[in-house]
């Protein structure tokens, strides 16, 4: 009976550099390019944030980071125009700084 070791016999031929490159290729396949928002989207985001600040509503911020979309839920603590970022406090009282340029979407929770 032939006893084949399957993929184990091929791992000795793979250098650590090759293994790392293969992992990077798999990770980079799923990355999404950074989206650009038009003026209408920015206006809608501005109105949503303004309403949330006035009425102390919780918002869900969708933002782009390193090729992936992330979501942050919390209250707007401050809109810093000079630094072009939102300062957000989540439900655990942790503070986040979210740059305008990375923002994709804002919705009420």
PDB file of N, CA and C in Angstrom:
ATOM      1  N   UNK A   1       0.839  -1.175   0.000  1.00  0.00           N
ATOM      2  CA  UNK A   1       0.000   0.000   0.000  1.00  0.00           C
ATOM      3  C   UNK A   1       0.890   1.246   0.000  1.00  0.00           C
ATOM      4  N   UNK A   2       0.567   2.201  -0.853  1.00  0.00           N
ATOM      5  CA  UNK A   2       1.353   3.423  -0.960  1.00  0.00           C
ATOM      6  C   UNK A   2       0.849   4.414   0.080  1.00  0.00           C
ATOM      7  N   UNK A   3       1.787   4.930   0.874  1.00  0.00           N
ATOM      8  CA  UNK A   3       1.415   5.911   1.884  1.00  0.00           C
ATOM      9  C   UNK A   3       1.897   7.281   1.413  1.00  0.00           C
ATOM     10  N   UNK A   4       0.972   8.090   0.960  1.00  0.00           N
ATOM     11  CA  UNK A   4       1.291   9.426   0.457  1.00  0.00           C
ATOM     12  C   UNK A   4       1.111  10.431   1.586  1.00  0.00           C
ATOM     13  N   UNK A   5       2.058  11.361   1.714  1.00  0.00           N
ATOM     14  CA  UNK A   5       1.978  12.360   2.774  1.00  0.00           C
ATOM     15  C   UNK A   5       1.147  13.582   2.361  1.00  0.00           C
ATOM     16  N   UNK A   6       0.578  13.600   1.191  1.00  0.00           N
ATOM     17  CA  UNK A   6      -0.273  14.705   0.750  1.00  0.00           C
ATOM     18  C   UNK A   6       0.504  15.999   0.593  1.00  0.00           C
ATOM     19  N   UNK A   7      -0.015  17.076   1.152  1.00  0.00           N
ATOM     20  CA  UNK A   7       0.618  18.393   1.036  1.00  0.00           C
ATOM     21  C   UNK A   7       1.871  18.525   1.882  1.00  0.00           C
ATOM     22  N   UNK A   8       2.058  17.666   2.837  1.00  0.00           N
ATOM     23  CA  UNK A   8       3.225  17.771   3.720  1.00  0.00           C
ATOM     24  C   UNK A   8       4.519  17.658   2.924  1.00  0.00           C
ATOM     25  N   UNK A   9       4.540  16.820   1.906  1.00  0.00           N
ATOM     26  CA  UNK A   9       5.776  16.644   1.140  1.00  0.00           C
ATOM     27  C   UNK A   9       6.167  17.904   0.360  1.00  0.00           C
ATOM     28  N   UNK A  10       5.209  18.799   0.077  1.00  0.00           N
ATOM     29  CA  UNK A  10       5.505  19.994  -0.694  1.00  0.00           C
ATOM     30  C   UNK A  10       5.898  21.172   0.189  1.00  0.00           C
ATOM     31  N   UNK A  11       5.603  21.127   1.480  1.00  0.00           N
ATOM     32  CA  UNK A  11       5.919  22.265   2.343  1.00  0.00           C
ATOM     33  C   UNK A  11       7.411  22.470   2.501  1.00  0.00           C
ATOM     34  N   UNK A  12       8.190  21.438   2.374  1.00  0.00           N
ATOM     35  CA  UNK A  12       9.637  21.589   2.484  1.00  0.00           C
ATOM     36  C   UNK A  12      10.201  22.394   1.328  1.00  0.00           C
ATOM     37  N   UNK A  13       9.497  22.433   0.199  1.00  0.00           N
ATOM     38  CA  UNK A  13       9.972  23.164  -0.959  1.00  0.00           C
ATOM     39  C   UNK A  13       9.596  24.643  -0.908  1.00  0.00           C
ATOM     40  N   UNK A  14       8.731  25.026   0.032  1.00  0.00           N
ATOM     41  CA  UNK A  14       8.284  26.414   0.146  1.00  0.00           C
ATOM     42  C   UNK A  14       9.191  27.153   1.123  1.00  0.00           C
ATOM     43  N   UNK A  15       9.804  28.219   0.644  1.00  0.00           N
ATOM     44  CA  UNK A  15      10.603  29.065   1.523  1.00  0.00           C
ATOM     45  C   UNK A  15       9.687  29.939   2.364  1.00  0.00           C
ATOM     46  N   UNK A  16      10.110  30.372   3.540  1.00  0.00           N
ATOM     47  CA  UNK A  16       9.267  31.245   4.366  1.00  0.00           C
ATOM     48  C   UNK A  16       8.839  32.520   3.640  1.00  0.00           C
ATOM     49  N   UNK A  17       9.697  33.037   2.766  1.00  0.00           N
ATOM     50  CA  UNK A  17       9.359  34.232   1.998  1.00  0.00           C
ATOM     51  C   UNK A  17       8.194  33.956   1.053  1.00  0.00           C
ATOM     52  N   UNK A  18       8.187  32.763   0.458  1.00  0.00           N
ATOM     53  CA  UNK A  18       7.101  32.395  -0.449  1.00  0.00           C
ATOM     54  C   UNK A  18       5.783  32.247   0.302  1.00  0.00           C
ATOM     55  N   UNK A  19       5.853  31.634   1.470  1.00  0.00           N
ATOM     56  CA  UNK A  19       4.643  31.458   2.279  1.00  0.00           C
ATOM     57  C   UNK A  19       4.074  32.827   2.647  1.00  0.00           C
ATOM     58  N   UNK A  20       4.940  33.754   3.030  1.00  0.00           N
ATOM     59  CA  UNK A  20       4.495  35.096   3.392  1.00  0.00           C
ATOM     60  C   UNK A  20       3.868  35.808   2.191  1.00  0.00           C
ATOM     61  N   UNK A  21       4.474  35.667   1.019  1.00  0.00           N
ATOM     62  CA  UNK A  21       3.932  36.304  -0.174  1.00  0.00           C
ATOM     63  C   UNK A  21       2.571  35.730  -0.550  1.00  0.00           C
ATOM     64  N   UNK A  22       2.396  34.429  -0.409  1.00  0.00           N
ATOM     65  CA  UNK A  22       1.111  33.802  -0.712  1.00  0.00           C
ATOM     66  C   UNK A  22       0.034  34.326   0.243  1.00  0.00           C
ATOM     67  N   UNK A  23       0.368  34.468   1.521  1.00  0.00           N
ATOM     68  CA  UNK A  23      -0.589  35.015   2.488  1.00  0.00           C
ATOM     69  C   UNK A  23      -0.960  36.450   2.149  1.00  0.00           C
ATOM     70  N   UNK A  24       0.015  37.252   1.748  1.00  0.00           N
ATOM     71  CA  UNK A  24      -0.263  38.643   1.382  1.00  0.00           C
ATOM     72  C   UNK A  24      -1.175  38.721   0.165  1.00  0.00           C
ATOM     73  N   UNK A  25      -0.971  37.841  -0.803  1.00  0.00           N
ATOM     74  CA  UNK A  25      -1.824  37.830  -1.994  1.00  0.00           C
ATOM     75  C   UNK A  25      -3.259  37.521  -1.608  1.00  0.00           C
ATOM     76  N   UNK A  26      -3.461  36.535  -0.737  1.00  0.00           N
ATOM     77  CA  UNK A  26      -4.824  36.200  -0.292  1.00  0.00           C
ATOM     78  C   UNK A  26      -5.459  37.352   0.464  1.00  0.00           C
ATOM     79  N   UNK A  27      -4.683  38.049   1.299  1.00  0.00           N
ATOM     80  CA  UNK A  27      -5.222  39.182   2.051  1.00  0.00           C
ATOM     81  C   UNK A  27      -5.565  40.346   1.128  1.00  0.00           C
ATOM     82  N   UNK A  28      -4.742  40.626   0.147  1.00  0.00           N
ATOM     83  CA  UNK A  28      -4.950  41.765  -0.741  1.00  0.00           C
ATOM     84  C   UNK A  28      -6.055  41.530  -1.767  1.00  0.00           C
ATOM     85  N   UNK A  29      -6.467  40.292  -1.984  1.00  0.00           N
ATOM     86  CA  UNK A  29      -7.537  40.013  -2.934  1.00  0.00           C
ATOM     87  C   UNK A  29      -8.864  40.612  -2.484  1.00  0.00           C
ATOM     88  N   UNK A  30      -9.110  40.649  -1.194  1.00  0.00           N
ATOM     89  CA  UNK A  30     -10.385  41.109  -0.666  1.00  0.00           C
ATOM     90  C   UNK A  30     -10.416  42.599  -0.350  1.00  0.00           C
ATOM     91  N   UNK A  31      -9.323  43.297  -0.529  1.00  0.00           N
ATOM     92  CA  UNK A  31      -9.292  44.720  -0.218  1.00  0.00           C
ATOM     93  C   UNK A  31     -10.125  45.517  -1.216  1.00  0.00           C
ATOM     94  N   UNK A  32     -10.736  46.585  -0.696  1.00  0.00           N
ATOM     95  CA  UNK A  32     -11.602  47.446  -1.488  1.00  0.00           C
ATOM     96  C   UNK A  32     -10.914  48.795  -1.657  1.00  0.00           C
ATOM     97  N   UNK A  33     -10.913  49.368  -2.860  1.00  0.00           N
ATOM     98  CA  UNK A  33     -10.300  50.692  -3.013  1.00  0.00           C
ATOM     99  C   UNK A  33     -11.110  51.751  -2.272  1.00  0.00           C
ATOM    100  N   UNK A  34     -10.420  52.810  -1.870  1.00  0.00           N
ATOM    101  CA  UNK A  34     -11.052  53.882  -1.097  1.00  0.00           C
ATOM    102  C   UNK A  34     -12.093  54.604  -1.955  1.00  0.00           C
ATOM    103  N   UNK A  35     -13.352  54.670  -1.468  1.00  0.00           N
ATOM    104  CA  UNK A  35     -14.402  55.325  -2.263  1.00  0.00           C
ATOM    105  C   UNK A  35     -14.337  56.843  -2.149  1.00  0.00           C
ATOM    106  N   UNK A  36     -14.841  57.512  -3.161  1.00  0.00           N
ATOM    107  CA  UNK A  36     -14.941  58.979  -3.167  1.00  0.00           C
ATOM    108  C   UNK A  36     -16.410  59.353  -3.021  1.00  0.00           C
ATOM    109  N   UNK A  37     -16.697  60.302  -2.132  1.00  0.00           N
ATOM    110  CA  UNK A  37     -18.069  60.760  -1.939  1.00  0.00           C
ATOM    111  C   UNK A  37     -18.304  62.040  -2.724  1.00  0.00           C
ATOM    112  N   UNK A  38     -19.500  62.172  -3.287  1.00  0.00           N
ATOM    113  CA  UNK A  38     -19.850  63.392  -4.017  1.00  0.00           C
ATOM    114  C   UNK A  38     -20.467  64.405  -3.044  1.00  0.00           C
ATOM    115  N   UNK A  39     -20.779  65.583  -3.564  1.00  0.00           N
ATOM    116  CA  UNK A  39     -21.296  66.660  -2.717  1.00  0.00           C
ATOM    117  C   UNK A  39     -22.631  66.307  -2.079  1.00  0.00           C
ATOM    118  N   UNK A  40     -23.477  65.613  -2.802  1.00  0.00           N
ATOM    119  CA  UNK A  40     -24.778  65.241  -2.265  1.00  0.00           C
ATOM    120  C   UNK A  40     -24.626  64.302  -1.060  1.00  0.00           C
ATOM    121  N   UNK A  41     -23.706  63.363  -1.145  1.00  0.00           N
ATOM    122  CA  UNK A  41     -23.470  62.448  -0.028  1.00  0.00           C
ATOM    123  C   UNK A  41     -22.936  63.208   1.185  1.00  0.00           C
ATOM    124  N   UNK A  42     -22.020  64.166   0.960  1.00  0.00           N
ATOM    125  CA  UNK A  42     -21.489  64.961   2.069  1.00  0.00           C
ATOM    126  C   UNK A  42     -22.582  65.806   2.714  1.00  0.00           C
ATOM    127  N   UNK A  43     -23.483  66.341   1.897  1.00  0.00           N
ATOM    128  CA  UNK A  43     -24.570  67.151   2.436  1.00  0.00           C
ATOM    129  C   UNK A  43     -25.508  66.291   3.288  1.00  0.00           C
ATOM    130  N   UNK A  44     -25.802  65.094   2.808  1.00  0.00           N
ATOM    131  CA  UNK A  44     -26.663  64.187   3.562  1.00  0.00           C
ATOM    132  C   UNK A  44     -26.004  63.784   4.884  1.00  0.00           C
ATOM    133  N   UNK A  45     -24.713  63.506   4.855  1.00  0.00           N
ATOM    134  CA  UNK A  45     -23.980  63.178   6.080  1.00  0.00           C
ATOM    135  C   UNK A  45     -24.011  64.349   7.047  1.00  0.00           C
ATOM    136  N   UNK A  46     -23.808  65.565   6.530  1.00  0.00           N
ATOM    137  CA  UNK A  46     -23.830  66.752   7.376  1.00  0.00           C
ATOM    138  C   UNK A  46     -25.167  66.955   8.059  1.00  0.00           C
ATOM    139  N   UNK A  47     -26.263  66.758   7.330  1.00  0.00           N
ATOM    140  CA  UNK A  47     -27.589  66.897   7.918  1.00  0.00           C
ATOM    141  C   UNK A  47     -27.853  65.832   8.978  1.00  0.00           C
ATOM    142  N   UNK A  48     -27.422  64.613   8.713  1.00  0.00           N
ATOM    143  CA  UNK A  48     -27.609  63.528   9.671  1.00  0.00           C
ATOM    144  C   UNK A  48     -26.831  63.796  10.955  1.00  0.00           C
ATOM    145  N   UNK A  49     -25.587  64.251  10.820  1.00  0.00           N
ATOM    146  CA  UNK A  49     -24.761  64.534  11.993  1.00  0.00           C
ATOM    147  C   UNK A  49     -25.323  65.722  12.758  1.00  0.00           C
ATOM    148  N   UNK A  50     -25.756  66.748  12.058  1.00  0.00           N
ATOM    149  CA  UNK A  50     -26.312  67.927  12.716  1.00  0.00           C
ATOM    150  C   UNK A  50     -27.550  67.560  13.528  1.00  0.00           C
ATOM    151  N   UNK A  51     -28.438  66.760  12.951  1.00  0.00           N
ATOM    152  CA  UNK A  51     -29.640  66.327  13.657  1.00  0.00           C
ATOM    153  C   UNK A  51     -29.273  65.481  14.882  1.00  0.00           C
ATOM    154  N   UNK A  52     -28.278  64.620  14.744  1.00  0.00           N
ATOM    155  CA  UNK A  52     -27.873  63.757  15.853  1.00  0.00           C
ATOM    156  C   UNK A  52     -27.255  64.565  16.992  1.00  0.00           C
ATOM    157  N   UNK A  53     -26.486  65.595  16.660  1.00  0.00           N
ATOM    158  CA  UNK A  53     -25.867  66.425  17.699  1.00  0.00           C
ATOM    159  C   UNK A  53     -26.940  67.214  18.440  1.00  0.00           C
ATOM    160  N   UNK A  54     -27.900  67.764  17.714  1.00  0.00           N
ATOM    161  CA  UNK A  54     -28.957  68.558  18.344  1.00  0.00           C
ATOM    162  C   UNK A  54     -29.852  67.719  19.241  1.00  0.00           C
ATOM    163  N   UNK A  55     -30.142  66.480  18.831  1.00  0.00           N
ATOM    164  CA  UNK A  55     -31.076  65.628  19.566  1.00  0.00           C
ATOM    165  C   UNK A  55     -30.398  64.500  20.343  1.00  0.00           C
ATOM    166  N   UNK A  56     -29.079  64.523  20.426  1.00  0.00           N
ATOM    167  CA  UNK A  56     -28.287  63.526  21.163  1.00  0.00           C
ATOM    168  C   UNK A  56     -28.634  62.095  20.721  1.00  0.00           C
ATOM    169  N   UNK A  57     -28.615  61.863  19.412  1.00  0.00           N
ATOM    170  CA  UNK A  57     -28.911  60.546  18.847  1.00  0.00           C
ATOM    171  C   UNK A  57     -27.619  59.780  18.614  1.00  0.00           C
ATOM    172  N   UNK A  58     -27.761  58.474  18.605  1.00  0.00           N
ATOM    173  CA  UNK A  58     -26.628  57.605  18.342  1.00  0.00           C
ATOM    174  C   UNK A  58     -26.534  57.349  16.839  1.00  0.00           C
ATOM    175  N   UNK A  59     -25.316  57.339  16.322  1.00  0.00           N
ATOM    176  CA  UNK A  59     -25.088  57.148  14.889  1.00  0.00           C
ATOM    177  C   UNK A  59     -24.200  55.937  14.636  1.00  0.00           C
ATOM    178  N   UNK A  60     -24.348  55.360  13.445  1.00  0.00           N
ATOM    179  CA  UNK A  60     -23.469  54.291  12.979  1.00  0.00           C
ATOM    180  C   UNK A  60     -22.611  54.865  11.858  1.00  0.00           C
ATOM    181  N   UNK A  61     -21.320  54.971  12.096  1.00  0.00           N
ATOM    182  CA  UNK A  61     -20.361  55.506  11.125  1.00  0.00           C
ATOM    183  C   UNK A  61     -19.715  54.343  10.398  1.00  0.00           C
ATOM    184  N   UNK A  62     -19.802  54.344   9.084  1.00  0.00           N
ATOM    185  CA  UNK A  62     -19.088  53.372   8.266  1.00  0.00           C
ATOM    186  C   UNK A  62     -17.902  54.103   7.654  1.00  0.00           C
ATOM    187  N   UNK A  63     -16.707  53.555   7.865  1.00  0.00           N
ATOM    188  CA  UNK A  63     -15.498  54.207   7.366  1.00  0.00           C
ATOM    189  C   UNK A  63     -14.569  53.176   6.745  1.00  0.00           C
ATOM    190  N   UNK A  64     -13.671  53.689   5.906  1.00  0.00           N
ATOM    191  CA  UNK A  64     -12.719  52.865   5.188  1.00  0.00           C
ATOM    192  C   UNK A  64     -11.389  52.884   5.941  1.00  0.00           C
ATOM    193  N   UNK A  65     -10.807  51.700   6.160  1.00  0.00           N
ATOM    194  CA  UNK A  65      -9.505  51.638   6.830  1.00  0.00           C
ATOM    195  C   UNK A  65      -8.693  50.480   6.255  1.00  0.00           C
ATOM    196  N   UNK A  66      -7.582  50.790   5.660  1.00  0.00           N
ATOM    197  CA  UNK A  66      -6.646  49.800   5.120  1.00  0.00           C
ATOM    198  C   UNK A  66      -7.301  48.788   4.175  1.00  0.00           C
ATOM    199  N   UNK A  67      -8.207  49.254   3.336  1.00  0.00           N
ATOM    200  CA  UNK A  67      -8.817  48.392   2.336  1.00  0.00           C
ATOM    201  C   UNK A  67     -10.090  47.692   2.762  1.00  0.00           C
ATOM    202  N   UNK A  68     -10.550  47.951   3.959  1.00  0.00           N
ATOM    203  CA  UNK A  68     -11.768  47.309   4.456  1.00  0.00           C
ATOM    204  C   UNK A  68     -12.698  48.346   5.057  1.00  0.00           C
ATOM    205  N   UNK A  69     -14.000  48.022   5.080  1.00  0.00           N
ATOM    206  CA  UNK A  69     -14.988  48.895   5.708  1.00  0.00           C
ATOM    207  C   UNK A  69     -15.184  48.475   7.153  1.00  0.00           C
ATOM    208  N   UNK A  70     -15.172  49.439   8.046  1.00  0.00           N
ATOM    209  CA  UNK A  70     -15.392  49.220   9.477  1.00  0.00           C
ATOM    210  C   UNK A  70     -16.606  50.039   9.898  1.00  0.00           C
ATOM    211  N   UNK A  71     -17.246  49.655  10.989  1.00  0.00           N
ATOM    212  CA  UNK A  71     -18.395  50.377  11.502  1.00  0.00           C
ATOM    213  C   UNK A  71     -18.159  50.736  12.959  1.00  0.00           C
ATOM    214  N   UNK A  72     -18.519  51.963  13.298  1.00  0.00           N
ATOM    215  CA  UNK A  72     -18.381  52.471  14.658  1.00  0.00           C
ATOM    216  C   UNK A  72     -19.715  53.077  15.064  1.00  0.00           C
ATOM    217  N   UNK A  73     -20.240  52.669  16.207  1.00  0.00           N
ATOM    218  CA  UNK A  73     -21.519  53.172  16.697  1.00  0.00           C
ATOM    219  C   UNK A  73     -21.261  54.011  17.931  1.00  0.00           C
ATOM    220  N   UNK A  74     -21.804  55.235  17.936  1.00  0.00           N
ATOM    221  CA  UNK A  74     -21.627  56.099  19.092  1.00  0.00           C
ATOM    222  C   UNK A  74     -22.236  57.468  18.889  1.00  0.00           C
ATOM    223  N   UNK A  75     -22.005  58.335  19.854  1.00  0.00           N
ATOM    224  CA  UNK A  75     -22.498  59.709  19.824  1.00  0.00           C
ATOM    225  C   UNK A  75     -21.384  60.644  19.365  1.00  0.00           C
ATOM    226  N   UNK A  76     -21.751  61.682  18.633  1.00  0.00           N
ATOM    227  CA  UNK A  76     -20.781  62.677  18.199  1.00  0.00           C
ATOM    228  C   UNK A  76     -20.488  63.588  19.381  1.00  0.00           C
ATOM    229  N   UNK A  77     -19.254  63.587  19.813  1.00  0.00           N
ATOM    230  CA  UNK A  77     -18.836  64.432  20.926  1.00  0.00           C
ATOM    231  C   UNK A  77     -18.438  65.819  20.417  1.00  0.00           C
ATOM    232  N   UNK A  78     -17.746  65.832  19.279  1.00  0.00           N
ATOM    233  CA  UNK A  78     -17.261  67.094  18.728  1.00  0.00           C
ATOM    234  C   UNK A  78     -16.994  66.923  17.235  1.00  0.00           C
ATOM    235  N   UNK A  79     -17.300  67.957  16.476  1.00  0.00           N
ATOM    236  CA  UNK A  79     -16.941  68.004  15.058  1.00  0.00           C
ATOM    237  C   UNK A  79     -15.799  69.005  14.954  1.00  0.00           C
ATOM    238  N   UNK A  80     -14.593  68.513  14.734  1.00  0.00           N
ATOM    239  CA  UNK A  80     -13.402  69.354  14.671  1.00  0.00           C
ATOM    240  C   UNK A  80     -13.125  69.713  13.213  1.00  0.00           C
ATOM    241  N   UNK A  81     -13.511  70.927  12.831  1.00  0.00           N
ATOM    242  CA  UNK A  81     -13.352  71.376  11.448  1.00  0.00           C
ATOM    243  C   UNK A  81     -11.880  71.598  11.110  1.00  0.00           C
ATOM    244  N   UNK A  82     -11.103  72.110  12.042  1.00  0.00           N
ATOM    245  CA  UNK A  82      -9.687  72.394  11.772  1.00  0.00           C
ATOM    246  C   UNK A  82      -8.895  71.123  11.480  1.00  0.00           C
ATOM    247  N   UNK A  83      -9.129  70.077  12.238  1.00  0.00           N
ATOM    248  CA  UNK A  83      -8.416  68.816  12.030  1.00  0.00           C
ATOM    249  C   UNK A  83      -9.158  67.881  11.075  1.00  0.00           C
ATOM    250  N   UNK A  84     -10.363  68.294  10.660  1.00  0.00           N
ATOM    251  CA  UNK A  84     -11.190  67.520   9.735  1.00  0.00           C
ATOM    252  C   UNK A  84     -11.451  66.112  10.270  1.00  0.00           C
ATOM    253  N   UNK A  85     -12.059  66.074  11.465  1.00  0.00           N
ATOM    254  CA  UNK A  85     -12.376  64.790  12.063  1.00  0.00           C
ATOM    255  C   UNK A  85     -13.551  64.901  13.028  1.00  0.00           C
ATOM    256  N   UNK A  86     -14.212  63.760  13.220  1.00  0.00           N
ATOM    257  CA  UNK A  86     -15.253  63.652  14.231  1.00  0.00           C
ATOM    258  C   UNK A  86     -14.620  63.050  15.473  1.00  0.00           C
ATOM    259  N   UNK A  87     -15.075  63.509  16.620  1.00  0.00           N
ATOM    260  CA  UNK A  87     -14.696  62.864  17.868  1.00  0.00           C
ATOM    261  C   UNK A  87     -15.946  62.172  18.379  1.00  0.00           C
ATOM    262  N   UNK A  88     -15.844  60.870  18.515  1.00  0.00           N
ATOM    263  CA  UNK A  88     -16.999  60.034  18.803  1.00  0.00           C
ATOM    264  C   UNK A  88     -16.783  59.305  20.127  1.00  0.00           C
ATOM    265  N   UNK A  89     -17.864  59.201  20.909  1.00  0.00           N
ATOM    266  CA  UNK A  89     -17.849  58.442  22.161  1.00  0.00           C
ATOM    267  C   UNK A  89     -18.814  57.281  21.993  1.00  0.00           C
ATOM    268  N   UNK A  90     -18.320  56.049  22.187  1.00  0.00           N
ATOM    269  CA  UNK A  90     -19.190  54.885  22.022  1.00  0.00           C
ATOM    270  C   UNK A  90     -19.905  54.550  23.328  1.00  0.00           C
ATOM    271  N   UNK A  91     -20.625  53.443  23.343  1.00  0.00           N
ATOM    272  CA  UNK A  91     -21.437  53.070  24.492  1.00  0.00           C
ATOM    273  C   UNK A  91     -20.596  52.701  25.716  1.00  0.00           C
ATOM    274  N   UNK A  92     -19.317  52.396  25.529  1.00  0.00           N
ATOM    275  CA  UNK A  92     -18.430  52.053  26.630  1.00  0.00           C
ATOM    276  C   UNK A  92     -17.601  53.244  27.089  1.00  0.00           C
ATOM    277  N   UNK A  93     -17.979  54.433  26.620  1.00  0.00           N
ATOM    278  CA  UNK A  93     -17.315  55.695  26.949  1.00  0.00           C
ATOM    279  C   UNK A  93     -15.874  55.755  26.428  1.00  0.00           C
ATOM    280  N   UNK A  94     -15.582  55.001  25.379  1.00  0.00           N
ATOM    281  CA  UNK A  94     -14.277  55.093  24.732  1.00  0.00           C
ATOM    282  C   UNK A  94     -14.359  56.149  23.641  1.00  0.00           C
ATOM    283  N   UNK A  95     -13.282  56.892  23.471  1.00  0.00           N
ATOM    284  CA  UNK A  95     -13.256  57.992  22.513  1.00  0.00           C
ATOM    285  C   UNK A  95     -12.496  57.580  21.250  1.00  0.00           C
ATOM    286  N   UNK A  96     -13.041  58.010  20.114  1.00  0.00           N
ATOM    287  CA  UNK A  96     -12.440  57.717  18.815  1.00  0.00           C
ATOM    288  C   UNK A  96     -12.341  59.002  18.011  1.00  0.00           C
ATOM    289  N   UNK A  97     -11.333  59.070  17.161  1.00  0.00           N
ATOM    290  CA  UNK A  97     -11.162  60.181  16.230  1.00  0.00           C
ATOM    291  C   UNK A  97     -11.315  59.594  14.833  1.00  0.00           C
ATOM    292  N   UNK A  98     -12.321  60.066  14.117  1.00  0.00           N
ATOM    293  CA  UNK A  98     -12.625  59.549  12.786  1.00  0.00           C
ATOM    294  C   UNK A  98     -12.450  60.668  11.771  1.00  0.00           C
ATOM    295  N   UNK A  99     -11.500  60.506  10.861  1.00  0.00           N
ATOM    296  CA  UNK A  99     -11.218  61.538   9.864  1.00  0.00           C
ATOM    297  C   UNK A  99     -12.298  61.586   8.797  1.00  0.00           C
ATOM    298  N   UNK A 100     -12.570  62.809   8.332  1.00  0.00           N
ATOM    299  CA  UNK A 100     -13.575  63.003   7.282  1.00  0.00           C
ATOM    300  C   UNK A 100     -13.223  62.220   6.023  1.00  0.00           C
ATOM    301  N   UNK A 101     -11.956  62.179   5.672  1.00  0.00           N
ATOM    302  CA  UNK A 101     -11.528  61.567   4.415  1.00  0.00           C
ATOM    303  C   UNK A 101     -11.777  60.057   4.375  1.00  0.00           C
ATOM    304  N   UNK A 102     -11.882  59.405   5.530  1.00  0.00           N
ATOM    305  CA  UNK A 102     -12.116  57.971   5.582  1.00  0.00           C
ATOM    306  C   UNK A 102     -13.582  57.608   5.690  1.00  0.00           C
ATOM    307  N   UNK A 103     -14.451  58.596   5.845  1.00  0.00           N
ATOM    308  CA  UNK A 103     -15.864  58.353   6.069  1.00  0.00           C
ATOM    309  C   UNK A 103     -16.548  57.892   4.787  1.00  0.00           C
ATOM    310  N   UNK A 104     -17.422  56.890   4.912  1.00  0.00           N
ATOM    311  CA  UNK A 104     -18.164  56.357   3.772  1.00  0.00           C
ATOM    312  C   UNK A 104     -19.661  56.634   3.922  1.00  0.00           C
ATOM    313  N   UNK A 105     -20.182  56.404   5.137  1.00  0.00           N
ATOM    314  CA  UNK A 105     -21.626  56.562   5.338  1.00  0.00           C
ATOM    315  C   UNK A 105     -21.912  56.807   6.820  1.00  0.00           C
ATOM    316  N   UNK A 106     -23.008  57.536   7.102  1.00  0.00           N
ATOM    317  CA  UNK A 106     -23.465  57.783   8.468  1.00  0.00           C
ATOM    318  C   UNK A 106     -24.966  57.533   8.500  1.00  0.00           C
ATOM    319  N   UNK A 107     -25.402  56.724   9.451  1.00  0.00           N
ATOM    320  CA  UNK A 107     -26.837  56.425   9.591  1.00  0.00           C
ATOM    321  C   UNK A 107     -27.230  56.478  11.071  1.00  0.00           C
ATOM    322  N   UNK A 108     -28.514  56.777  11.298  1.00  0.00           N
ATOM    323  CA  UNK A 108     -29.031  56.758  12.665  1.00  0.00           C
ATOM    324  C   UNK A 108     -29.252  55.313  13.090  1.00  0.00           C
ATOM    325  N   UNK A 109     -29.043  55.076  14.366  1.00  0.00           N
ATOM    326  CA  UNK A 109     -29.242  53.721  14.914  1.00  0.00           C
ATOM    327  C   UNK A 109     -30.616  53.644  15.527  1.00  0.00           C
TER     328      UNK A 109
END
